[in-house]
């Protein structure tokens, strides 16, 4: 049997973490086990984290504006659409599939919404609901063609990527542009929490993270499964408290250059974190999530184990397209309008974000948080190069190089881990 079947069973259902070591012992034992996994090629988001740190230091040195509170808040808003799109693509990448149409799916959904709302006079909640319906129907169509008919996802989604660009132009009209008039939606990318709201958000994150960690430990104890060292839980909570506290403190600073103060955590931040938590819960702690990892590890083994592979694939494409609409909503509310080119350029950056973050193109390995970290890295590149006033071509060259490097690291790590035959 191919050694790639080692991931066929998916993450430990009681681990609460798709990369849990499952090794009992003290903190030193856990660190040793982690280092052993890294040497075996399971680096996860480690390269992306290192790259993000290097980029922050580099751009901070090259441009004095980069590390200012106003740019930090701008980076959070700028990264939000890419973070959500990257997380959307994780659901299909874990299966070993691809969705090249995710960006334009969000664009067509937003074009439908804005035309119904502005031109046809539909109430914005109803128009937005119809837009989401378009996105979910697109995901169902892709899932049907891939899972039931058997067409490769690359071909199906490439066709939709091309076709939906034309559909968006037909809906909006050539050269057309419609403003988003709903204040509630504009606030997604322009609103801020009160200063105290950021600290409440951090407290809620700590409470949920700690509660889930101790809940997982109780489940593992009852099931007789080895637990990781309790010190790791406290280290994780301390890291969240320290890093989150620094981020909230910076975002709570007044970043206005006028008499009107601008302070507080952008509203988009807790929304994206909520999506990240729900998606991570689905993949790490539900049967559906374990099936996704199992299919990505070895689809034939999963099928023989009784998993309904077709339905799981169908569901993943629907989830991907649904989240792509959310990403499109975030992107267009940031611009304040929708045109016929909406979503055309972001999808490749979304794939890059997931792969750069450590999600395997071969399926079966990766987490939503990896895509989020990769998206932050891509957004940092965009933001930093823009501040340096470099040509857009430089961004494309740098992003393409980073993507190739990340894919190379993924392939080499799988080779070292025994997941590829030579």
Protein backbone atom coordinates (compact mmCIF):
# COMPACT_ATOMS: atom_id res chain seq x y z
CA UNK A 1 0.00 0.00 0.00
CA UNK A 2 1.20 3.54 -0.82
CA UNK A 3 2.52 5.25 2.25
CA UNK A 4 0.29 8.23 1.47
CA UNK A 5 -2.49 6.28 3.17
CA UNK A 6 -1.08 7.40 6.49
CA UNK A 7 -3.45 10.39 6.29
CA UNK A 8 -6.46 8.41 5.19
CA UNK A 9 -7.91 8.27 8.64
CA UNK A 10 -7.82 12.06 8.99
CA UNK A 11 -7.13 13.90 12.22
CA UNK A 12 -7.70 12.25 15.55
CA UNK A 13 -11.42 12.74 16.32
CA UNK A 14 -10.56 13.48 19.92
CA UNK A 15 -7.52 15.58 19.33
CA UNK A 16 -9.31 18.82 18.78
CA UNK A 17 -6.36 19.71 16.61
CA UNK A 18 -5.56 18.25 13.22
CA UNK A 19 -1.88 18.39 13.98
CA UNK A 20 -1.99 17.04 17.52
CA UNK A 21 0.97 14.96 18.44
CA UNK A 22 -0.94 12.34 20.36
CA UNK A 23 2.21 11.82 22.40
CA UNK A 24 1.93 11.55 26.16
CA UNK A 25 4.60 13.11 28.34
CA UNK A 26 6.00 16.40 29.56
CA UNK A 27 6.69 19.60 27.70
CA UNK A 28 10.15 18.40 26.64
CA UNK A 29 8.66 15.26 25.12
CA UNK A 30 6.10 17.33 23.23
CA UNK A 31 8.75 19.68 21.85
CA UNK A 32 10.88 16.71 20.83
CA UNK A 33 7.93 15.11 19.04
CA UNK A 34 7.20 18.38 17.25
CA UNK A 35 10.81 18.74 16.13
CA UNK A 36 10.74 15.18 14.87
CA UNK A 37 7.63 15.95 12.79
CA UNK A 38 9.29 19.08 11.40
CA UNK A 39 12.37 17.07 10.41
CA UNK A 40 10.01 14.59 8.77
CA UNK A 41 8.61 17.35 6.58
CA UNK A 42 5.45 18.29 8.52
CA UNK A 43 6.27 21.97 8.89
CA UNK A 44 2.71 23.28 8.65
CA UNK A 45 2.61 27.08 8.77
CA UNK A 46 6.14 27.42 10.16
CA UNK A 47 7.70 28.72 6.90
CA UNK A 48 4.84 31.20 6.44
CA UNK A 49 5.18 32.48 10.00
CA UNK A 50 8.92 32.92 9.53
CA UNK A 51 8.33 34.65 6.21
CA UNK A 52 5.72 36.95 7.74
CA UNK A 53 8.09 37.99 10.52
CA UNK A 54 10.87 38.68 8.03
CA UNK A 55 8.54 40.74 5.83
CA UNK A 56 7.29 42.83 8.76
CA UNK A 57 10.86 43.58 9.85
CA UNK A 58 11.98 44.31 6.28
CA UNK A 59 9.11 46.64 5.38
CA UNK A 60 9.33 48.27 8.80
CA UNK A 61 12.94 49.19 8.05
CA UNK A 62 12.30 50.29 4.46
CA UNK A 63 9.23 52.43 5.21
CA UNK A 64 8.56 54.27 8.47
CA UNK A 65 4.81 54.31 7.80
CA UNK A 66 4.50 50.52 7.65
CA UNK A 67 4.49 49.89 11.43
CA UNK A 68 2.11 52.74 12.28
CA UNK A 69 -1.31 52.02 13.86
CA UNK A 70 -3.19 53.39 10.86
CA UNK A 71 -1.39 51.07 8.46
CA UNK A 72 -1.85 48.10 10.82
CA UNK A 73 -5.62 48.70 10.83
CA UNK A 74 -5.56 49.15 7.05
CA UNK A 75 -3.70 45.86 6.68
CA UNK A 76 -6.39 44.07 8.70
CA UNK A 77 -9.12 45.42 6.40
CA UNK A 78 -7.06 44.76 3.29
CA UNK A 79 -6.33 41.15 4.27
CA UNK A 80 -9.90 40.20 5.27
CA UNK A 81 -11.23 39.22 1.79
CA UNK A 82 -8.07 37.23 1.02
CA UNK A 83 -8.15 35.48 4.41
CA UNK A 84 -11.75 34.33 3.88
CA UNK A 85 -11.12 33.26 0.29
CA UNK A 86 -8.02 31.35 1.34
CA UNK A 87 -10.05 29.54 4.02
CA UNK A 88 -12.75 28.79 1.45
CA UNK A 89 -10.23 27.13 -0.83
CA UNK A 90 -8.86 24.99 2.00
CA UNK A 91 -12.05 22.91 1.92
CA UNK A 92 -11.42 21.81 -1.67
CA UNK A 93 -7.62 21.72 -1.47
CA UNK A 94 -7.86 19.23 1.40
CA UNK A 95 -9.66 16.94 -1.02
CA UNK A 96 -6.86 17.28 -3.56
CA UNK A 97 -9.17 19.39 -5.75
CA UNK A 98 -9.05 23.03 -6.88
CA UNK A 99 -11.57 25.82 -7.46
CA UNK A 100 -10.29 28.45 -9.86
CA UNK A 101 -13.72 30.08 -10.07
CA UNK A 102 -14.07 31.02 -6.40
CA UNK A 103 -13.17 34.67 -6.97
CA UNK A 104 -15.52 35.26 -9.90
CA UNK A 105 -18.25 33.30 -8.12
CA UNK A 106 -18.12 35.96 -5.42
CA UNK A 107 -18.02 38.62 -8.14
CA UNK A 108 -21.14 37.33 -9.91
CA UNK A 109 -22.96 36.99 -6.58
CA UNK A 110 -22.11 40.59 -5.68
CA UNK A 111 -23.07 41.78 -9.17
CA UNK A 112 -26.44 40.08 -8.76
CA UNK A 113 -26.87 41.65 -5.33
CA UNK A 114 -26.01 45.19 -6.34
CA UNK A 115 -28.15 45.19 -9.49
CA UNK A 116 -31.16 43.83 -7.61
CA UNK A 117 -30.65 46.33 -4.80
CA UNK A 118 -29.74 49.49 -6.72
CA UNK A 119 -31.40 49.00 -10.10
CA UNK A 120 -34.39 46.82 -9.25
CA UNK A 121 -35.10 48.28 -5.83
CA UNK A 122 -34.96 45.04 -3.84
CA UNK A 123 -34.32 45.47 -0.09
CA UNK A 124 -30.62 44.86 0.51
CA UNK A 125 -31.13 41.81 2.82
CA UNK A 126 -33.22 40.06 0.17
CA UNK A 127 -30.87 41.03 -2.64
CA UNK A 128 -27.89 39.79 -0.63
CA UNK A 129 -29.68 36.53 0.15
CA UNK A 130 -30.28 35.98 -3.57
CA UNK A 131 -26.61 36.73 -4.20
CA UNK A 132 -25.63 34.06 -1.69
CA UNK A 133 -28.07 31.71 -3.41
CA UNK A 134 -26.20 32.25 -6.67
CA UNK A 135 -22.93 31.37 -4.95
CA UNK A 136 -24.27 28.24 -3.27
CA UNK A 137 -25.90 27.10 -6.53
CA UNK A 138 -22.55 27.54 -8.26
CA UNK A 139 -20.86 25.37 -5.64
CA UNK A 140 -23.57 22.73 -6.06
CA UNK A 141 -23.05 22.77 -9.83
CA UNK A 142 -19.29 22.36 -9.48
CA UNK A 143 -19.78 19.57 -6.96
CA UNK A 144 -22.18 17.77 -9.28
CA UNK A 145 -19.86 17.98 -12.30
CA UNK A 146 -16.81 16.93 -10.28
CA UNK A 147 -18.24 14.34 -7.88
CA UNK A 148 -21.06 12.86 -9.95
CA UNK A 149 -20.04 13.34 -13.58
CA UNK A 150 -16.32 12.91 -12.92
CA UNK A 151 -14.95 15.98 -14.70
CA UNK A 152 -11.64 17.18 -13.21
CA UNK A 153 -12.19 20.16 -10.94
CA UNK A 154 -9.47 22.10 -12.73
CA UNK A 155 -11.38 21.92 -16.02
CA UNK A 156 -14.79 22.68 -14.51
CA UNK A 157 -13.64 25.66 -12.47
CA UNK A 158 -11.42 27.02 -15.24
CA UNK A 159 -14.46 27.01 -17.52
CA UNK A 160 -16.51 28.82 -14.89
CA UNK A 161 -13.67 31.25 -14.27
CA UNK A 162 -13.87 32.29 -17.91
CA UNK A 163 -17.64 32.08 -18.27
CA UNK A 164 -18.48 33.94 -15.07
CA UNK A 165 -16.35 36.89 -16.13
CA UNK A 166 -18.68 37.25 -19.11
CA UNK A 167 -21.75 36.71 -16.94
CA UNK A 168 -20.66 39.47 -14.56
CA UNK A 169 -20.26 41.85 -17.52
CA UNK A 170 -23.74 40.96 -18.75
CA UNK A 171 -25.26 41.55 -15.32
CA UNK A 172 -23.46 44.83 -14.64
CA UNK A 173 -23.10 46.00 -18.22
CA UNK A 174 -19.87 46.89 -19.99
CA UNK A 175 -18.18 49.73 -18.15
CA UNK A 176 -20.95 49.74 -15.58
CA UNK A 177 -20.48 50.36 -11.88
CA UNK A 178 -23.03 50.36 -9.07
CA UNK A 179 -22.46 51.76 -5.59
CA UNK A 180 -23.24 49.76 -2.46
CA UNK A 181 -25.74 51.95 -0.63
CA UNK A 182 -26.48 49.88 2.48
CA UNK A 183 -24.75 51.53 5.47
CA UNK A 184 -24.84 48.23 7.36
CA UNK A 185 -22.70 46.61 4.67
CA UNK A 186 -20.35 49.56 4.24
CA UNK A 187 -19.69 49.34 7.99
CA UNK A 188 -18.18 45.87 7.51
CA UNK A 189 -14.96 47.40 6.20
CA UNK A 190 -15.27 50.87 7.69
CA UNK A 191 -16.78 50.38 11.14
CA UNK A 192 -14.86 49.92 14.38
CA UNK A 193 -15.53 48.39 17.76
CA UNK A 194 -15.51 50.70 20.76
CA UNK A 195 -12.21 50.70 22.63
CA UNK A 196 -13.61 48.42 25.32
CA UNK A 197 -15.04 46.12 22.61
CA UNK A 198 -11.57 45.03 21.53
CA UNK A 199 -10.74 43.86 25.05
CA UNK A 200 -14.07 42.05 25.31
CA UNK A 201 -13.29 40.34 21.99
CA UNK A 202 -9.91 39.19 23.33
CA UNK A 203 -11.51 37.90 26.54
CA UNK A 204 -14.08 35.93 24.52
CA UNK A 205 -11.32 34.45 22.36
CA UNK A 206 -9.38 33.36 25.45
CA UNK A 207 -12.50 31.89 27.05
CA UNK A 208 -13.46 29.92 23.94
CA UNK A 209 -9.91 28.74 23.26
CA UNK A 210 -9.36 27.68 26.87
CA UNK A 211 -12.77 26.06 27.13
CA UNK A 212 -12.29 24.05 23.96
CA UNK A 213 -8.80 22.97 25.04
CA UNK A 214 -9.95 21.68 28.41
CA UNK A 215 -13.05 20.11 26.85
CA UNK A 216 -10.81 18.22 24.43
CA UNK A 217 -8.63 17.04 27.30
CA UNK A 218 -11.65 15.67 29.18
CA UNK A 219 -12.88 13.88 26.06
CA UNK A 220 -9.48 12.32 25.48
CA UNK A 221 -9.21 11.26 29.12
CA UNK A 222 -12.62 9.59 29.05
CA UNK A 223 -11.70 7.81 25.82
CA UNK A 224 -8.34 6.67 27.18
CA UNK A 225 -6.44 8.64 24.55
CA UNK A 226 -3.09 10.23 25.56
CA UNK A 227 -3.20 13.95 26.29
CA UNK A 228 -0.57 16.50 25.46
CA UNK A 229 1.15 18.27 28.33
CA UNK A 230 -1.13 20.70 30.17
CA UNK A 231 1.67 23.27 29.96
CA UNK A 232 1.06 23.50 26.20
CA UNK A 233 -2.47 24.70 26.87
CA UNK A 234 -1.22 27.46 29.16
CA UNK A 235 1.51 28.41 26.69
CA UNK A 236 -1.08 28.70 23.91
CA UNK A 237 -3.40 30.83 26.04
CA UNK A 238 -0.48 33.02 27.13
CA UNK A 239 0.56 33.52 23.50
CA UNK A 240 -2.99 34.49 22.52
CA UNK A 241 -3.21 36.88 25.47
CA UNK A 242 0.13 38.55 24.75
CA UNK A 243 -0.09 38.80 20.96
CA UNK A 244 -3.80 39.60 21.03
CA UNK A 245 -3.28 42.19 23.75
CA UNK A 246 -0.56 43.91 21.71
CA UNK A 247 -2.78 43.92 18.59
CA UNK A 248 -5.79 45.30 20.46
CA UNK A 249 -3.68 47.95 22.18
CA UNK A 250 -2.27 49.13 18.85
CA UNK A 251 -5.67 49.18 17.15
CA UNK A 252 -7.16 51.11 20.09
CA UNK A 253 -4.69 53.95 19.54
CA UNK A 254 -6.04 57.07 17.88
CA UNK A 255 -4.93 56.82 14.25
CA UNK A 256 -6.69 59.98 13.05
CA UNK A 257 -4.82 62.95 11.64
CA UNK A 258 -7.78 65.26 12.31
CA UNK A 259 -9.78 66.33 15.36
CA UNK A 260 -12.18 63.39 14.93
CA UNK A 261 -10.66 60.32 16.65
CA UNK A 262 -10.38 57.03 14.78
CA UNK A 263 -9.71 54.22 17.20
CA UNK A 264 -10.81 50.69 17.96
CA UNK A 265 -10.53 47.25 16.40
CA UNK A 266 -12.04 47.11 12.87
CA UNK A 267 -15.40 45.31 12.89
CA UNK A 268 -14.15 42.98 10.18
CA UNK A 269 -11.61 41.40 12.57
CA UNK A 270 -14.05 39.63 14.95
CA UNK A 271 -16.18 38.59 11.96
CA UNK A 272 -13.24 36.92 10.23
CA UNK A 273 -12.14 35.31 13.50
CA UNK A 274 -15.66 33.92 13.98
CA UNK A 275 -15.59 32.41 10.48
CA UNK A 276 -12.17 30.94 11.21
CA UNK A 277 -13.38 29.39 14.48
CA UNK A 278 -16.53 27.88 12.96
CA UNK A 279 -14.64 26.47 9.98
CA UNK A 280 -11.91 25.06 12.21
CA UNK A 281 -14.52 23.46 14.46
CA UNK A 282 -16.13 21.80 11.44
CA UNK A 283 -12.85 20.40 10.13
CA UNK A 284 -11.31 19.41 13.47
CA UNK A 285 -14.24 18.26 15.58
CA UNK A 286 -16.95 16.87 13.30
CA UNK A 287 -17.39 13.66 11.36
CA UNK A 288 -17.64 15.67 8.16
CA UNK A 289 -14.23 17.21 8.81
CA UNK A 290 -12.62 13.82 9.46
CA UNK A 291 -14.11 12.57 6.21
CA UNK A 292 -12.59 15.54 4.34
CA UNK A 293 -9.11 14.70 5.61
CA UNK A 294 -9.65 11.01 4.93
CA UNK A 295 -10.65 11.62 1.32
CA UNK A 296 -7.71 13.94 0.80
CA UNK A 297 -5.35 11.35 2.23
CA UNK A 298 -6.64 8.49 0.11
CA UNK A 299 -10.03 8.74 -1.62
CA UNK A 300 -10.20 5.05 -2.52
CA UNK A 301 -9.43 3.96 1.04
CA UNK A 302 -12.07 6.37 2.30
CA UNK A 303 -14.62 4.97 -0.13
CA UNK A 304 -13.86 1.41 0.95
CA UNK A 305 -14.27 2.51 4.56
CA UNK A 306 -17.87 3.48 3.79
CA UNK A 307 -17.44 7.25 3.45
CA UNK A 308 -19.79 8.82 0.92
CA UNK A 309 -17.02 10.50 -1.04
CA UNK A 310 -19.29 12.13 -3.59
CA UNK A 311 -21.47 13.85 -1.00
CA UNK A 312 -18.49 15.10 0.98
CA UNK A 313 -16.92 16.57 -2.16
CA UNK A 314 -20.24 18.14 -3.08
CA UNK A 315 -20.51 19.70 0.35
CA UNK A 316 -16.97 21.08 0.24
CA UNK A 317 -17.53 22.83 -3.08
CA UNK A 318 -20.76 24.36 -1.75
CA UNK A 319 -18.94 25.60 1.37
CA UNK A 320 -16.11 26.97 -0.76
CA UNK A 321 -18.46 28.92 -3.02
CA UNK A 322 -20.47 30.19 -0.05
CA UNK A 323 -17.36 31.53 1.65
CA UNK A 324 -16.21 32.96 -1.69
CA UNK A 325 -19.34 35.12 -1.68
CA UNK A 326 -18.43 36.32 1.83
CA UNK A 327 -14.95 37.19 0.55
CA UNK A 328 -16.53 39.03 -2.38
CA UNK A 329 -18.78 40.94 0.00
CA UNK A 330 -15.80 42.03 2.09
CA UNK A 331 -13.82 43.04 -1.00
CA UNK A 332 -16.61 45.09 -2.60
CA UNK A 333 -17.73 46.81 0.59
CA UNK A 334 -14.14 47.92 1.02
CA UNK A 335 -14.33 49.53 -2.43
CA UNK A 336 -17.90 50.73 -1.89
CA UNK A 337 -19.03 49.62 -5.34
CA UNK A 338 -19.27 46.66 -7.72
CA UNK A 339 -18.18 46.55 -11.37
CA UNK A 340 -17.96 43.87 -14.04
CA UNK A 341 -14.41 42.88 -13.05
CA UNK A 342 -15.32 42.02 -9.45
CA UNK A 343 -13.46 38.96 -8.16
CA UNK A 344 -11.41 38.48 -11.32
CA UNK A 345 -7.96 38.91 -9.81
CA UNK A 346 -8.26 37.61 -6.26
CA UNK A 347 -8.68 33.86 -6.76
CA UNK A 348 -5.06 33.12 -7.65
CA UNK A 349 -3.99 35.11 -4.61
CA UNK A 350 -6.38 32.96 -2.56
CA UNK A 351 -4.77 29.77 -3.82
CA UNK A 352 -1.37 31.29 -3.14
CA UNK A 353 -2.43 32.22 0.40
CA UNK A 354 -3.52 28.67 1.21
CA UNK A 355 -0.44 27.03 -0.29
CA UNK A 356 1.99 29.56 1.17
CA UNK A 357 0.38 29.01 4.57
CA UNK A 358 1.12 25.29 4.45
CA UNK A 359 -2.00 23.69 2.93
CA UNK A 360 -0.92 20.83 0.69
CA UNK A 361 -1.87 20.91 -2.98
CA UNK A 362 -1.86 17.10 -2.85
CA UNK A 363 -4.73 17.00 -0.34
CA UNK A 364 -5.13 15.65 3.17
CA UNK A 365 -2.95 18.16 4.99
CA UNK A 366 -3.53 21.71 6.15
CA UNK A 367 -5.79 23.81 8.36
CA UNK A 368 -7.81 26.99 8.00
CA UNK A 369 -5.42 28.92 10.21
CA UNK A 370 -2.63 28.06 7.79
CA UNK A 371 -4.53 29.78 4.97
CA UNK A 372 -5.17 32.77 7.23
CA UNK A 373 -1.45 33.11 7.97
CA UNK A 374 -0.62 32.73 4.28
CA UNK A 375 -3.18 35.40 3.40
CA UNK A 376 -1.64 37.77 5.94
CA UNK A 377 1.72 37.14 4.33
CA UNK A 378 0.39 37.89 0.82
CA UNK A 379 -1.46 40.98 2.09
CA UNK A 380 1.73 42.17 3.80
CA UNK A 381 3.61 41.86 0.51
CA UNK A 382 0.91 43.88 -1.29
CA UNK A 383 0.77 46.50 1.44
CA UNK A 384 4.53 46.85 1.84
CA UNK A 385 5.29 47.08 -1.87
CA UNK A 386 2.52 49.67 -2.29
CA UNK A 387 4.06 51.80 0.46
CA UNK A 388 7.41 51.54 -1.31
CA UNK A 389 5.62 52.69 -4.49
CA UNK A 390 6.98 49.85 -6.54
CA UNK A 391 5.41 48.80 -9.81
CA UNK A 392 2.53 46.31 -9.70
CA UNK A 393 4.67 43.97 -11.77
CA UNK A 394 7.05 43.61 -8.85
CA UNK A 395 4.18 42.39 -6.66
CA UNK A 396 3.21 39.76 -9.22
CA UNK A 397 6.81 38.58 -9.53
CA UNK A 398 7.30 38.40 -5.76
CA UNK A 399 3.97 36.65 -5.14
CA UNK A 400 4.61 34.14 -7.93
CA UNK A 401 8.06 33.40 -6.56
CA UNK A 402 6.69 32.90 -3.05
CA UNK A 403 4.01 30.53 -4.38
CA UNK A 404 6.54 28.43 -6.30
CA UNK A 405 8.77 28.29 -3.24
CA UNK A 406 5.85 27.21 -1.04
CA UNK A 407 4.77 24.51 -3.51
CA UNK A 408 8.37 23.27 -3.67
CA UNK A 409 8.54 23.08 0.12
CA UNK A 410 5.24 21.15 0.14
CA UNK A 411 6.46 18.65 -2.48
CA UNK A 412 9.82 18.15 -0.78
CA UNK A 413 8.21 17.70 2.64
CA UNK A 414 5.87 15.04 1.27
CA UNK A 415 8.82 13.29 -0.36
CA UNK A 416 10.70 13.28 2.96
CA UNK A 417 7.59 12.09 4.74
CA UNK A 418 7.10 9.18 2.33
CA UNK A 419 3.96 10.57 0.70
CA UNK A 420 5.29 10.50 -2.88
CA UNK A 421 6.64 7.60 -4.81
CA UNK A 422 9.78 8.09 -6.81
